[in-house]
Amino acid sequence: MTELELRNSPEYIEAYVNYIKTGEDKECRALLTTNATAATGYVPVPTMVDDIVRHAWENEEIIARCRQTNFKGNVKVAFELSADGAYAHSEGSTAPTEESLTLGIIEIKAENIKKWITISDEMMEETGEGFLRYVYEELAHQVAKKLSDDIVDGIENCAYTTNQATAIGIPKVNEDPSLVAVAKAAANLSDEARNLVIIMNRLTEADFHAAFAAGNFAVDPYMGLPRIYSSALPAFSSADANATYAIVGDLDAVQINYPAGAGLKLVQDPYSLAEKDLVKIVGRVFAGQKVVAPGRLVRLTKEAGAVTT
C-alpha cells in the first residue's frame, strides 16, 4: 500500500481522529511503518482533509487568484521602481548610455492566522470522517476568509499613489459607480495586468445596476469582467468620501507565502475547559501576503459630496 492509498483508508482516518482527540500519534505512525512504502517525519493528514483545506482555499476566489509560494522565513521580492528604455543603435554611431535601473524591495513577513472552536465531550466521542469534516471545514473556512480579507484590506488601505522603495503604489480613481467607472480604473493599469477582476461589497452592485438602468442598459458597467464579492470593502452607500469601495485589477500582483505549507495545523487543548466538558481546538495557518507587482491594481474611491451652505 502506498502512502497515498493509506491516507485514504478508513483505518488511517480513524487513527488520525484519535490523534486529534488525544495528541498521541503512535497509531498513525504504526500504520505508516507497517503499510506505507515510505513513512515521513511527520504525521500526514488523510487525503480527505487535504481536499477540505484545498476546497476552502479555492472557494475564496481572491486567494485562488493570487500567486502562492512556500519559501521558508521572510521573503524579499524585487520590483522595478524606475528604469529608462532601450535605444536604437546605428552601426558606427556613439554607444547608447547604460540603463539606469532602480529596484524596490518588498518584504513578506508571515504571521499566524488562527481560529478556534470548542467541542463538547459528546462530539469528541463521534468517530471517523464526520468528526474530521466538522472540525476542518469550519476552521479552514474561517482562516481562509481572514486571509482573503487581509489581502483586500492591504489594497484598500494603501497610502501610496506612486511606487516607493519598500511598497507598491496603488493608484486611485475618484469616481462613483457609473457606466465608465470600471473603464476609467482599468485604463490606469499597465499592459501586464491581464486577468482582470472587480472586487466589491455585494451591496455596491445595486449602485452599478442603477447606473446601468439609467443608461437604458446600453453599456455593461463591468466591461464583462468577473466580480468577486468581499465584505472587507464597505458598501458604496455607507463608505466615507474618498474611501475605497471597489478594486479593479489582476490579483496575480499579490503574493501569498506559506513558510510552513498551506495546510491547516490543528492544536488540541483538553484541559483549560475540562470543567465544562469542552475541548478547545485551534486551527492555524502561517502565512504572509503583500502586493509585489506594480501597475496591476487600481482602487475606485467615492467622490466627495457637494458642499451645501
C-alpha atoms as a PDB file:
ATOM      1  CA  MET A   1       0.000   0.000   0.000  1.00  0.00           C
ATOM      2  CA  THR A   2       1.392   3.406  -0.943  1.00  0.00           C
ATOM      3  CA  GLU A   3       1.261   6.328   1.472  1.00  0.00           C
ATOM      4  CA  LEU A   4      -1.478   7.987  -0.609  1.00  0.00           C
ATOM      5  CA  GLU A   5      -3.604   4.838  -0.529  1.00  0.00           C
ATOM      6  CA  LEU A   6      -3.060   4.502   3.206  1.00  0.00           C
ATOM      7  CA  ARG A   7      -4.090   8.092   3.910  1.00  0.00           C
ATOM      8  CA  ASN A   8      -7.360   7.414   2.102  1.00  0.00           C
ATOM      9  CA  SER A   9      -8.178   4.279   4.095  1.00  0.00           C
ATOM     10  CA  PRO A  10     -10.854   4.149   6.838  1.00  0.00           C
ATOM     11  CA  GLU A  11      -8.286   2.777   9.279  1.00  0.00           C
ATOM     12  CA  TYR A  12      -5.955   5.731   8.857  1.00  0.00           C
ATOM     13  CA  ILE A  13      -8.811   8.255   9.068  1.00  0.00           C
ATOM     14  CA  GLU A  14      -9.874   6.659  12.347  1.00  0.00           C
ATOM     15  CA  ALA A  15      -6.293   6.690  13.658  1.00  0.00           C
ATOM     16  CA  TYR A  16      -5.904  10.364  12.695  1.00  0.00           C
ATOM     17  CA  VAL A  17      -9.142  11.251  14.513  1.00  0.00           C
ATOM     18  CA  ASN A  18      -7.761   9.599  17.645  1.00  0.00           C
ATOM     19  CA  TYR A  19      -4.540  11.578  17.150  1.00  0.00           C
ATOM     20  CA  ILE A  20      -6.503  14.850  17.104  1.00  0.00           C
ATOM     21  CA  LYS A  21      -8.503  13.849  20.181  1.00  0.00           C
ATOM     22  CA  THR A  22      -5.605  12.628  22.295  1.00  0.00           C
ATOM     23  CA  GLY A  23      -2.458  14.141  20.763  1.00  0.00           C
ATOM     24  CA  GLU A  24      -0.970  10.624  20.621  1.00  0.00           C
ATOM     25  CA  ASP A  25       0.331   9.708  17.152  1.00  0.00           C
ATOM     26  CA  LYS A  26       1.513   6.123  17.812  1.00  0.00           C
ATOM     27  CA  GLU A  27      -1.413   4.538  15.964  1.00  0.00           C
ATOM     28  CA  CYS A  28      -0.860   6.714  12.873  1.00  0.00           C
ATOM     29  CA  ARG A  29       2.864   6.026  12.855  1.00  0.00           C
ATOM     30  CA  ALA A  30       2.316   2.303  13.342  1.00  0.00           C
ATOM     31  CA  LEU A  31       0.083   2.208  10.263  1.00  0.00           C
ATOM     32  CA  LEU A  32       2.630   4.215   8.283  1.00  0.00           C
ATOM     33  CA  THR A  33       5.501   1.988   9.354  1.00  0.00           C
ATOM     34  CA  THR A  34       3.607  -1.233   8.675  1.00  0.00           C
ATOM     35  CA  ASN A  35       1.731  -0.412   5.486  1.00  0.00           C
ATOM     36  CA  ALA A  36       3.264   2.607   3.776  1.00  0.00           C
ATOM     37  CA  THR A  37       6.229   2.351   1.457  1.00  0.00           C
ATOM     38  CA  ALA A  38       7.917   5.439   2.945  1.00  0.00           C
ATOM     39  CA  ALA A  39       6.963   6.939   6.302  1.00  0.00           C
ATOM     40  CA  THR A  40       7.634  10.661   6.673  1.00  0.00           C
ATOM     41  CA  GLY A  41       8.962  12.575   9.645  1.00  0.00           C
ATOM     42  CA  TYR A  42       5.510  13.970  10.494  1.00  0.00           C
ATOM     43  CA  VAL A  43       2.005  12.586  10.687  1.00  0.00           C
ATOM     44  CA  PRO A  44       0.413  13.291   7.281  1.00  0.00           C
ATOM     45  CA  VAL A  45      -3.259  14.238   7.139  1.00  0.00           C
ATOM     46  CA  PRO A  46      -5.779  11.951   5.423  1.00  0.00           C
ATOM     47  CA  THR A  47      -6.426  12.783   1.772  1.00  0.00           C
ATOM     48  CA  MET A  48      -9.978  13.911   2.601  1.00  0.00           C
ATOM     49  CA  VAL A  49      -8.507  16.602   4.896  1.00  0.00           C
ATOM     50  CA  ASP A  50      -6.257  17.796   2.069  1.00  0.00           C
ATOM     51  CA  ASP A  51      -9.367  18.074  -0.094  1.00  0.00           C
ATOM     52  CA  ILE A  52     -11.287  20.067   2.538  1.00  0.00           C
ATOM     53  CA  VAL A  53      -8.482  22.593   3.022  1.00  0.00           C
ATOM     54  CA  ARG A  54      -7.817  22.875  -0.707  1.00  0.00           C
ATOM     55  CA  HIS A  55     -11.532  23.480  -1.318  1.00  0.00           C
ATOM     56  CA  ALA A  56     -11.578  26.243   1.325  1.00  0.00           C
ATOM     57  CA  TRP A  57      -8.609  27.924  -0.368  1.00  0.00           C
ATOM     58  CA  GLU A  58     -10.117  27.601  -3.860  1.00  0.00           C
ATOM     59  CA  ASN A  59     -13.551  28.705  -2.658  1.00  0.00           C
ATOM     60  CA  GLU A  60     -12.011  32.023  -1.588  1.00  0.00           C
ATOM     61  CA  GLU A  61     -11.669  33.427  -5.094  1.00  0.00           C
ATOM     62  CA  ILE A  62      -9.272  36.154  -4.007  1.00  0.00           C
ATOM     63  CA  ILE A  63      -6.772  33.643  -2.603  1.00  0.00           C
ATOM     64  CA  ALA A  64      -7.179  31.350  -5.607  1.00  0.00           C
ATOM     65  CA  ARG A  65      -6.175  34.153  -7.999  1.00  0.00           C
ATOM     66  CA  CYS A  66      -3.072  35.243  -6.044  1.00  0.00           C
ATOM     67  CA  ARG A  67       0.454  33.984  -6.601  1.00  0.00           C
ATOM     68  CA  GLN A  68       1.330  31.413  -3.918  1.00  0.00           C
ATOM     69  CA  THR A  69       4.735  30.255  -2.683  1.00  0.00           C
ATOM     70  CA  ASN A  70       6.219  28.119   0.103  1.00  0.00           C
ATOM     71  CA  PHE A  71       9.542  29.794   0.900  1.00  0.00           C
ATOM     72  CA  LYS A  72      10.975  29.423   4.396  1.00  0.00           C
ATOM     73  CA  GLY A  73      11.295  32.565   6.535  1.00  0.00           C
ATOM     74  CA  ASN A  74      10.722  36.126   5.366  1.00  0.00           C
ATOM     75  CA  VAL A  75      10.653  36.639   1.607  1.00  0.00           C
ATOM     76  CA  LYS A  76      12.078  39.673  -0.226  1.00  0.00           C
ATOM     77  CA  VAL A  77      10.712  40.341  -3.700  1.00  0.00           C
ATOM     78  CA  ALA A  78      12.348  42.864  -6.042  1.00  0.00           C
ATOM     79  CA  PHE A  79      10.349  45.015  -8.448  1.00  0.00           C
ATOM     80  CA  GLU A  80      11.291  47.681 -10.976  1.00  0.00           C
ATOM     81  CA  LEU A  81      10.977  51.055  -9.276  1.00  0.00           C
ATOM     82  CA  SER A  82      12.318  53.034 -12.238  1.00  0.00           C
ATOM     83  CA  ALA A  83      14.167  52.350 -15.485  1.00  0.00           C
ATOM     84  CA  ASP A  84      14.882  54.050 -18.792  1.00  0.00           C
ATOM     85  CA  GLY A  85      14.043  52.453 -22.112  1.00  0.00           C
ATOM     86  CA  ALA A  86      16.162  50.797 -24.795  1.00  0.00           C
ATOM     87  CA  TYR A  87      17.802  52.669 -27.686  1.00  0.00           C
ATOM     88  CA  ALA A  88      18.180  52.071 -31.402  1.00  0.00           C
ATOM     89  CA  HIS A  89      21.899  51.889 -32.189  1.00  0.00           C
ATOM     90  CA  SER A  90      23.076  52.518 -35.740  1.00  0.00           C
ATOM     91  CA  GLU A  91      26.364  50.992 -36.842  1.00  0.00           C
ATOM     92  CA  GLY A  92      29.317  53.285 -36.142  1.00  0.00           C
ATOM     93  CA  SER A  93      27.327  55.694 -34.024  1.00  0.00           C
ATOM     94  CA  THR A  94      28.039  56.591 -30.412  1.00  0.00           C
ATOM     95  CA  ALA A  95      27.261  53.778 -27.984  1.00  0.00           C
ATOM     96  CA  PRO A  96      23.977  54.204 -26.103  1.00  0.00           C
ATOM     97  CA  THR A  97      24.080  55.090 -22.451  1.00  0.00           C
ATOM     98  CA  GLU A  98      23.882  52.391 -19.821  1.00  0.00           C
ATOM     99  CA  GLU A  99      20.432  51.685 -18.466  1.00  0.00           C
ATOM    100  CA  SER A 100      19.602  53.399 -15.197  1.00  0.00           C
ATOM    101  CA  LEU A 101      17.720  50.763 -13.218  1.00  0.00           C
ATOM    102  CA  THR A 102      16.408  51.206  -9.680  1.00  0.00           C
ATOM    103  CA  LEU A 103      14.826  48.305  -7.833  1.00  0.00           C
ATOM    104  CA  GLY A 104      12.397  48.347  -4.933  1.00  0.00           C
ATOM    105  CA  ILE A 105      12.203  45.560  -2.361  1.00  0.00           C
ATOM    106  CA  ILE A 106       9.012  44.168  -0.860  1.00  0.00           C
ATOM    107  CA  GLU A 107       9.394  42.034   2.269  1.00  0.00           C
ATOM    108  CA  ILE A 108       6.698  39.478   3.080  1.00  0.00           C
ATOM    109  CA  LYS A 109       6.563  38.528   6.747  1.00  0.00           C
ATOM    110  CA  ALA A 110       4.336  35.631   7.737  1.00  0.00           C
ATOM    111  CA  GLU A 111       2.086  35.581  10.781  1.00  0.00           C
ATOM    112  CA  ASN A 112      -0.204  33.014  12.319  1.00  0.00           C
ATOM    113  CA  ILE A 113      -3.834  33.257  11.223  1.00  0.00           C
ATOM    114  CA  LYS A 114      -5.932  31.427  13.795  1.00  0.00           C
ATOM    115  CA  LYS A 115      -9.469  30.375  14.567  1.00  0.00           C
ATOM    116  CA  TRP A 116     -10.562  28.175  17.433  1.00  0.00           C
ATOM    117  CA  ILE A 117     -13.724  26.413  18.482  1.00  0.00           C
ATOM    118  CA  THR A 118     -14.783  24.328  21.454  1.00  0.00           C
ATOM    119  CA  ILE A 119     -16.091  20.808  21.018  1.00  0.00           C
ATOM    120  CA  SER A 120     -18.235  19.050  23.611  1.00  0.00           C
ATOM    121  CA  ASP A 121     -17.111  15.754  25.061  1.00  0.00           C
ATOM    122  CA  GLU A 122     -20.111  14.186  23.355  1.00  0.00           C
ATOM    123  CA  MET A 123     -18.940  15.459  19.980  1.00  0.00           C
ATOM    124  CA  MET A 124     -15.431  14.226  20.710  1.00  0.00           C
ATOM    125  CA  GLU A 125     -16.869  10.744  21.059  1.00  0.00           C
ATOM    126  CA  GLU A 126     -18.078  10.853  17.456  1.00  0.00           C
ATOM    127  CA  THR A 127     -15.647   8.877  15.344  1.00  0.00           C
ATOM    128  CA  GLY A 128     -14.336   8.818  11.834  1.00  0.00           C
ATOM    129  CA  GLU A 129     -14.921  11.103   8.896  1.00  0.00           C
ATOM    130  CA  GLY A 130     -17.834  13.062  10.398  1.00  0.00           C
ATOM    131  CA  PHE A 131     -15.670  14.470  13.192  1.00  0.00           C
ATOM    132  CA  LEU A 132     -12.865  15.493  10.839  1.00  0.00           C
ATOM    133  CA  ARG A 133     -15.252  17.234   8.461  1.00  0.00           C
ATOM    134  CA  TYR A 134     -16.960  19.104  11.302  1.00  0.00           C
ATOM    135  CA  VAL A 135     -13.668  20.484  12.622  1.00  0.00           C
ATOM    136  CA  TYR A 136     -11.702  21.077   9.431  1.00  0.00           C
ATOM    137  CA  GLU A 137     -14.468  22.583   7.296  1.00  0.00           C
ATOM    138  CA  GLU A 138     -15.348  25.224   9.883  1.00  0.00           C
ATOM    139  CA  LEU A 139     -11.787  26.198  10.794  1.00  0.00           C
ATOM    140  CA  ALA A 140     -10.481  26.084   7.207  1.00  0.00           C
ATOM    141  CA  HIS A 141     -13.312  28.348   6.025  1.00  0.00           C
ATOM    142  CA  GLN A 142     -12.741  30.938   8.745  1.00  0.00           C
ATOM    143  CA  VAL A 143      -8.947  31.012   8.346  1.00  0.00           C
ATOM    144  CA  ALA A 144      -9.186  31.302   4.550  1.00  0.00           C
ATOM    145  CA  LYS A 145     -11.729  34.119   4.850  1.00  0.00           C
ATOM    146  CA  LYS A 146      -9.455  36.029   7.246  1.00  0.00           C
ATOM    147  CA  LEU A 147      -6.501  35.733   4.854  1.00  0.00           C
ATOM    148  CA  SER A 148      -8.700  36.878   1.967  1.00  0.00           C
ATOM    149  CA  ASP A 149      -9.933  39.884   3.968  1.00  0.00           C
ATOM    150  CA  ASP A 150      -6.343  40.804   4.899  1.00  0.00           C
ATOM    151  CA  ILE A 151      -5.410  40.905   1.206  1.00  0.00           C
ATOM    152  CA  VAL A 152      -8.316  43.251   0.442  1.00  0.00           C
ATOM    153  CA  ASP A 153      -7.522  45.422   3.474  1.00  0.00           C
ATOM    154  CA  GLY A 154      -3.909  45.778   2.348  1.00  0.00           C
ATOM    155  CA  ILE A 155      -5.003  47.042  -1.067  1.00  0.00           C
ATOM    156  CA  GLU A 156      -7.839  49.205   0.282  1.00  0.00           C
ATOM    157  CA  ASN A 157      -5.691  50.966   2.875  1.00  0.00           C
ATOM    158  CA  CYS A 158      -2.704  51.578   0.616  1.00  0.00           C
ATOM    159  CA  ALA A 159      -1.356  55.030   1.458  1.00  0.00           C
ATOM    160  CA  TYR A 160       0.735  55.396  -1.698  1.00  0.00           C
ATOM    161  CA  THR A 161      -0.173  56.621  -5.161  1.00  0.00           C
ATOM    162  CA  THR A 162       3.347  56.122  -6.555  1.00  0.00           C
ATOM    163  CA  ASN A 163       5.778  53.249  -6.049  1.00  0.00           C
ATOM    164  CA  GLN A 164       8.071  53.514  -3.033  1.00  0.00           C
ATOM    165  CA  ALA A 165      11.345  51.734  -2.279  1.00  0.00           C
ATOM    166  CA  THR A 166       9.554  49.295   0.026  1.00  0.00           C
ATOM    167  CA  ALA A 167       5.918  49.376  -1.160  1.00  0.00           C
ATOM    168  CA  ILE A 168       3.923  49.173  -4.370  1.00  0.00           C
ATOM    169  CA  GLY A 169       1.890  52.276  -5.132  1.00  0.00           C
ATOM    170  CA  ILE A 170      -1.750  51.539  -5.931  1.00  0.00           C
ATOM    171  CA  PRO A 171      -3.378  54.480  -7.726  1.00  0.00           C
ATOM    172  CA  LYS A 172      -6.957  55.541  -7.151  1.00  0.00           C
ATOM    173  CA  VAL A 173      -9.703  56.777  -9.454  1.00  0.00           C
ATOM    174  CA  ASN A 174     -12.160  59.040  -7.648  1.00  0.00           C
ATOM    175  CA  GLU A 175     -15.374  58.045  -9.423  1.00  0.00           C
ATOM    176  CA  ASP A 176     -18.778  56.950  -8.136  1.00  0.00           C
ATOM    177  CA  PRO A 177     -20.405  53.835  -9.672  1.00  0.00           C
ATOM    178  CA  SER A 178     -21.254  54.687 -13.277  1.00  0.00           C
ATOM    179  CA  LEU A 179     -21.109  53.252 -16.766  1.00  0.00           C
ATOM    180  CA  VAL A 180     -17.483  54.396 -17.106  1.00  0.00           C
ATOM    181  CA  ALA A 181     -16.084  53.976 -13.562  1.00  0.00           C
ATOM    182  CA  VAL A 182     -14.619  50.499 -14.164  1.00  0.00           C
ATOM    183  CA  ALA A 183     -13.367  51.551 -17.616  1.00  0.00           C
ATOM    184  CA  LYS A 184     -11.525  54.533 -16.106  1.00  0.00           C
ATOM    185  CA  ALA A 185      -9.957  52.322 -13.443  1.00  0.00           C
ATOM    186  CA  ALA A 186      -8.871  49.677 -15.968  1.00  0.00           C
ATOM    187  CA  ALA A 187      -7.343  52.394 -18.172  1.00  0.00           C
ATOM    188  CA  ASN A 188      -4.833  53.119 -15.389  1.00  0.00           C
ATOM    189  CA  LEU A 189      -3.468  49.562 -15.377  1.00  0.00           C
ATOM    190  CA  SER A 190      -0.284  48.507 -17.141  1.00  0.00           C
ATOM    191  CA  ASP A 191      -0.273  46.168 -20.127  1.00  0.00           C
ATOM    192  CA  GLU A 192       0.995  43.423 -17.773  1.00  0.00           C
ATOM    193  CA  ALA A 193      -2.386  43.307 -15.980  1.00  0.00           C
ATOM    194  CA  ARG A 194      -4.196  40.506 -17.776  1.00  0.00           C
ATOM    195  CA  ASN A 195      -6.738  38.531 -15.732  1.00  0.00           C
ATOM    196  CA  LEU A 196      -8.774  41.476 -14.508  1.00  0.00           C
ATOM    197  CA  VAL A 197     -11.498  41.229 -11.866  1.00  0.00           C
ATOM    198  CA  ILE A 198     -13.644  43.636  -9.871  1.00  0.00           C
ATOM    199  CA  ILE A 199     -13.738  43.265  -6.069  1.00  0.00           C
ATOM    200  CA  MET A 200     -16.591  44.946  -4.218  1.00  0.00           C
ATOM    201  CA  ASN A 201     -19.127  44.602  -1.468  1.00  0.00           C
ATOM    202  CA  ARG A 202     -22.263  42.905  -2.767  1.00  0.00           C
ATOM    203  CA  LEU A 203     -24.355  45.939  -1.757  1.00  0.00           C
ATOM    204  CA  THR A 204     -22.311  48.125  -4.125  1.00  0.00           C
ATOM    205  CA  GLU A 205     -23.649  46.137  -7.068  1.00  0.00           C
ATOM    206  CA  ALA A 206     -27.014  47.859  -6.602  1.00  0.00           C
ATOM    207  CA  ASP A 207     -25.386  51.236  -7.327  1.00  0.00           C
ATOM    208  CA  PHE A 208     -23.769  49.924 -10.510  1.00  0.00           C
ATOM    209  CA  HIS A 209     -27.095  48.463 -11.597  1.00  0.00           C
ATOM    210  CA  ALA A 210     -28.763  51.837 -11.006  1.00  0.00           C
ATOM    211  CA  ALA A 211     -26.247  53.400 -13.406  1.00  0.00           C
ATOM    212  CA  PHE A 212     -26.854  50.525 -15.812  1.00  0.00           C
ATOM    213  CA  ALA A 213     -30.607  51.172 -15.770  1.00  0.00           C
ATOM    214  CA  ALA A 214     -30.180  54.933 -16.061  1.00  0.00           C
ATOM    215  CA  GLY A 215     -28.154  54.383 -19.228  1.00  0.00           C
ATOM    216  CA  ASN A 216     -31.035  52.381 -20.744  1.00  0.00           C
ATOM    217  CA  PHE A 217     -28.989  49.169 -20.378  1.00  0.00           C
ATOM    218  CA  ALA A 218     -26.867  50.171 -23.366  1.00  0.00           C
ATOM    219  CA  VAL A 219     -23.434  49.561 -21.808  1.00  0.00           C
ATOM    220  CA  ASP A 220     -22.154  46.912 -19.391  1.00  0.00           C
ATOM    221  CA  PRO A 221     -20.677  48.914 -16.457  1.00  0.00           C
ATOM    222  CA  TYR A 222     -18.440  45.954 -15.588  1.00  0.00           C
ATOM    223  CA  MET A 223     -16.851  45.683 -19.061  1.00  0.00           C
ATOM    224  CA  GLY A 224     -17.524  41.957 -18.962  1.00  0.00           C
ATOM    225  CA  LEU A 225     -15.104  41.472 -16.050  1.00  0.00           C
ATOM    226  CA  PRO A 226     -15.889  38.850 -13.358  1.00  0.00           C
ATOM    227  CA  ARG A 227     -16.999  40.215  -9.996  1.00  0.00           C
ATOM    228  CA  ILE A 228     -15.719  38.969  -6.641  1.00  0.00           C
ATOM    229  CA  TYR A 229     -17.670  39.966  -3.555  1.00  0.00           C
ATOM    230  CA  SER A 230     -15.907  40.845  -0.314  1.00  0.00           C
ATOM    231  CA  SER A 231     -17.362  42.256   2.880  1.00  0.00           C
ATOM    232  CA  ALA A 232     -13.893  43.605   3.692  1.00  0.00           C
ATOM    233  CA  LEU A 233     -14.777  46.544   1.425  1.00  0.00           C
ATOM    234  CA  PRO A 234     -17.504  48.949   2.574  1.00  0.00           C
ATOM    235  CA  ALA A 235     -20.708  49.265   0.577  1.00  0.00           C
ATOM    236  CA  PHE A 236     -20.629  52.364  -1.610  1.00  0.00           C
ATOM    237  CA  SER A 237     -23.714  53.768   0.124  1.00  0.00           C
ATOM    238  CA  SER A 238     -22.057  53.673   3.561  1.00  0.00           C
ATOM    239  CA  ALA A 239     -18.465  54.476   2.516  1.00  0.00           C
ATOM    240  CA  ASP A 240     -16.890  57.779   3.558  1.00  0.00           C
ATOM    241  CA  ALA A 241     -15.804  60.306   0.962  1.00  0.00           C
ATOM    242  CA  ASN A 242     -12.555  59.243  -0.765  1.00  0.00           C
ATOM    243  CA  ALA A 243     -12.808  55.739   0.750  1.00  0.00           C
ATOM    244  CA  THR A 244     -12.111  52.713  -1.459  1.00  0.00           C
ATOM    245  CA  TYR A 245     -15.330  50.920  -2.399  1.00  0.00           C
ATOM    246  CA  ALA A 246     -14.059  48.714  -5.250  1.00  0.00           C
ATOM    247  CA  ILE A 247     -10.777  47.308  -6.579  1.00  0.00           C
ATOM    248  CA  VAL A 248     -10.077  46.638 -10.259  1.00  0.00           C
ATOM    249  CA  GLY A 249      -7.082  44.670 -11.477  1.00  0.00           C
ATOM    250  CA  ASP A 250      -5.071  41.476 -11.681  1.00  0.00           C
ATOM    251  CA  LEU A 251      -4.719  39.646  -8.343  1.00  0.00           C
ATOM    252  CA  ASP A 252      -1.572  37.924  -9.591  1.00  0.00           C
ATOM    253  CA  ALA A 253       0.056  41.107  -8.295  1.00  0.00           C
ATOM    254  CA  VAL A 254      -0.391  39.713  -4.766  1.00  0.00           C
ATOM    255  CA  GLN A 255       1.987  37.057  -3.450  1.00  0.00           C
ATOM    256  CA  ILE A 256       0.997  34.789  -0.552  1.00  0.00           C
ATOM    257  CA  ASN A 257       3.839  32.917   1.119  1.00  0.00           C
ATOM    258  CA  TYR A 258       3.303  29.890   3.380  1.00  0.00           C
ATOM    259  CA  PRO A 259       6.655  29.164   5.110  1.00  0.00           C
ATOM    260  CA  ALA A 260       5.242  26.021   6.757  1.00  0.00           C
ATOM    261  CA  GLY A 261       2.937  24.968   3.912  1.00  0.00           C
ATOM    262  CA  ALA A 262      -0.645  25.894   3.127  1.00  0.00           C
ATOM    263  CA  GLY A 263      -2.151  23.072   5.170  1.00  0.00           C
ATOM    264  CA  LEU A 264      -4.254  23.795   8.244  1.00  0.00           C
ATOM    265  CA  LYS A 265      -2.485  22.910  11.511  1.00  0.00           C
ATOM    266  CA  LEU A 266      -4.587  21.809  14.499  1.00  0.00           C
ATOM    267  CA  VAL A 267      -3.716  22.258  18.183  1.00  0.00           C
ATOM    268  CA  GLN A 268      -5.942  20.467  20.695  1.00  0.00           C
ATOM    269  CA  ASP A 269      -6.388  21.515  24.352  1.00  0.00           C
ATOM    270  CA  PRO A 270      -8.488  19.153  26.508  1.00  0.00           C
ATOM    271  CA  TYR A 271      -7.527  20.783  29.817  1.00  0.00           C
ATOM    272  CA  SER A 272      -8.357  24.502  30.057  1.00  0.00           C
ATOM    273  CA  LEU A 273     -12.136  23.957  29.725  1.00  0.00           C
ATOM    274  CA  ALA A 274     -12.282  20.446  31.184  1.00  0.00           C
ATOM    275  CA  GLU A 275     -14.637  21.530  33.979  1.00  0.00           C
ATOM    276  CA  LYS A 276     -17.191  22.478  31.318  1.00  0.00           C
ATOM    277  CA  ASP A 277     -16.782  19.204  29.432  1.00  0.00           C
ATOM    278  CA  LEU A 278     -15.358  21.124  26.478  1.00  0.00           C
ATOM    279  CA  VAL A 279     -12.241  20.601  24.362  1.00  0.00           C
ATOM    280  CA  LYS A 280     -10.615  23.558  22.621  1.00  0.00           C
ATOM    281  CA  ILE A 281      -9.309  23.024  19.066  1.00  0.00           C
ATOM    282  CA  VAL A 282      -7.230  25.744  17.396  1.00  0.00           C
ATOM    283  CA  GLY A 283      -6.681  25.845  13.633  1.00  0.00           C
ATOM    284  CA  ARG A 284      -3.885  27.971  12.237  1.00  0.00           C
ATOM    285  CA  VAL A 285      -2.043  28.768   9.033  1.00  0.00           C
ATOM    286  CA  PHE A 286       1.320  30.563   8.967  1.00  0.00           C
ATOM    287  CA  ALA A 287       1.102  32.964   6.022  1.00  0.00           C
ATOM    288  CA  GLY A 288       2.170  36.375   4.790  1.00  0.00           C
ATOM    289  CA  GLN A 289       0.937  38.406   1.838  1.00  0.00           C
ATOM    290  CA  LYS A 290       1.713  41.656   0.016  1.00  0.00           C
ATOM    291  CA  VAL A 291       1.297  43.348  -3.348  1.00  0.00           C
ATOM    292  CA  VAL A 292       4.579  42.720  -5.187  1.00  0.00           C
ATOM    293  CA  ALA A 293       3.914  43.847  -8.786  1.00  0.00           C
ATOM    294  CA  PRO A 294       3.230  47.456  -9.825  1.00  0.00           C
ATOM    295  CA  GLY A 295       0.636  48.568 -12.350  1.00  0.00           C
ATOM    296  CA  ARG A 296      -1.726  45.646 -11.733  1.00  0.00           C
ATOM    297  CA  LEU A 297      -4.294  47.121  -9.306  1.00  0.00           C
ATOM    298  CA  VAL A 298      -6.387  50.293  -9.065  1.00  0.00           C
ATOM    299  CA  ARG A 299      -8.756  51.500  -6.335  1.00  0.00           C
ATOM    300  CA  LEU A 300     -12.134  53.086  -7.048  1.00  0.00           C
ATOM    301  CA  THR A 301     -12.911  55.704  -4.386  1.00  0.00           C
ATOM    302  CA  LYS A 302     -16.081  57.572  -3.501  1.00  0.00           C
ATOM    303  CA  GLU A 303     -16.405  61.173  -4.622  1.00  0.00           C
ATOM    304  CA  ALA A 304     -16.919  63.839  -2.008  1.00  0.00           C
ATOM    305  CA  GLY A 305     -20.453  65.168  -1.810  1.00  0.00           C
ATOM    306  CA  ALA A 306     -21.364  68.661  -2.930  1.00  0.00           C
ATOM    307  CA  VAL A 307     -20.848  71.325  -0.287  1.00  0.00           C
ATOM    308  CA  THR A 308     -24.085  72.957   0.834  1.00  0.00           C
ATOM    309  CA  THR A 309     -24.495  76.248   2.644  1.00  0.00           C
END
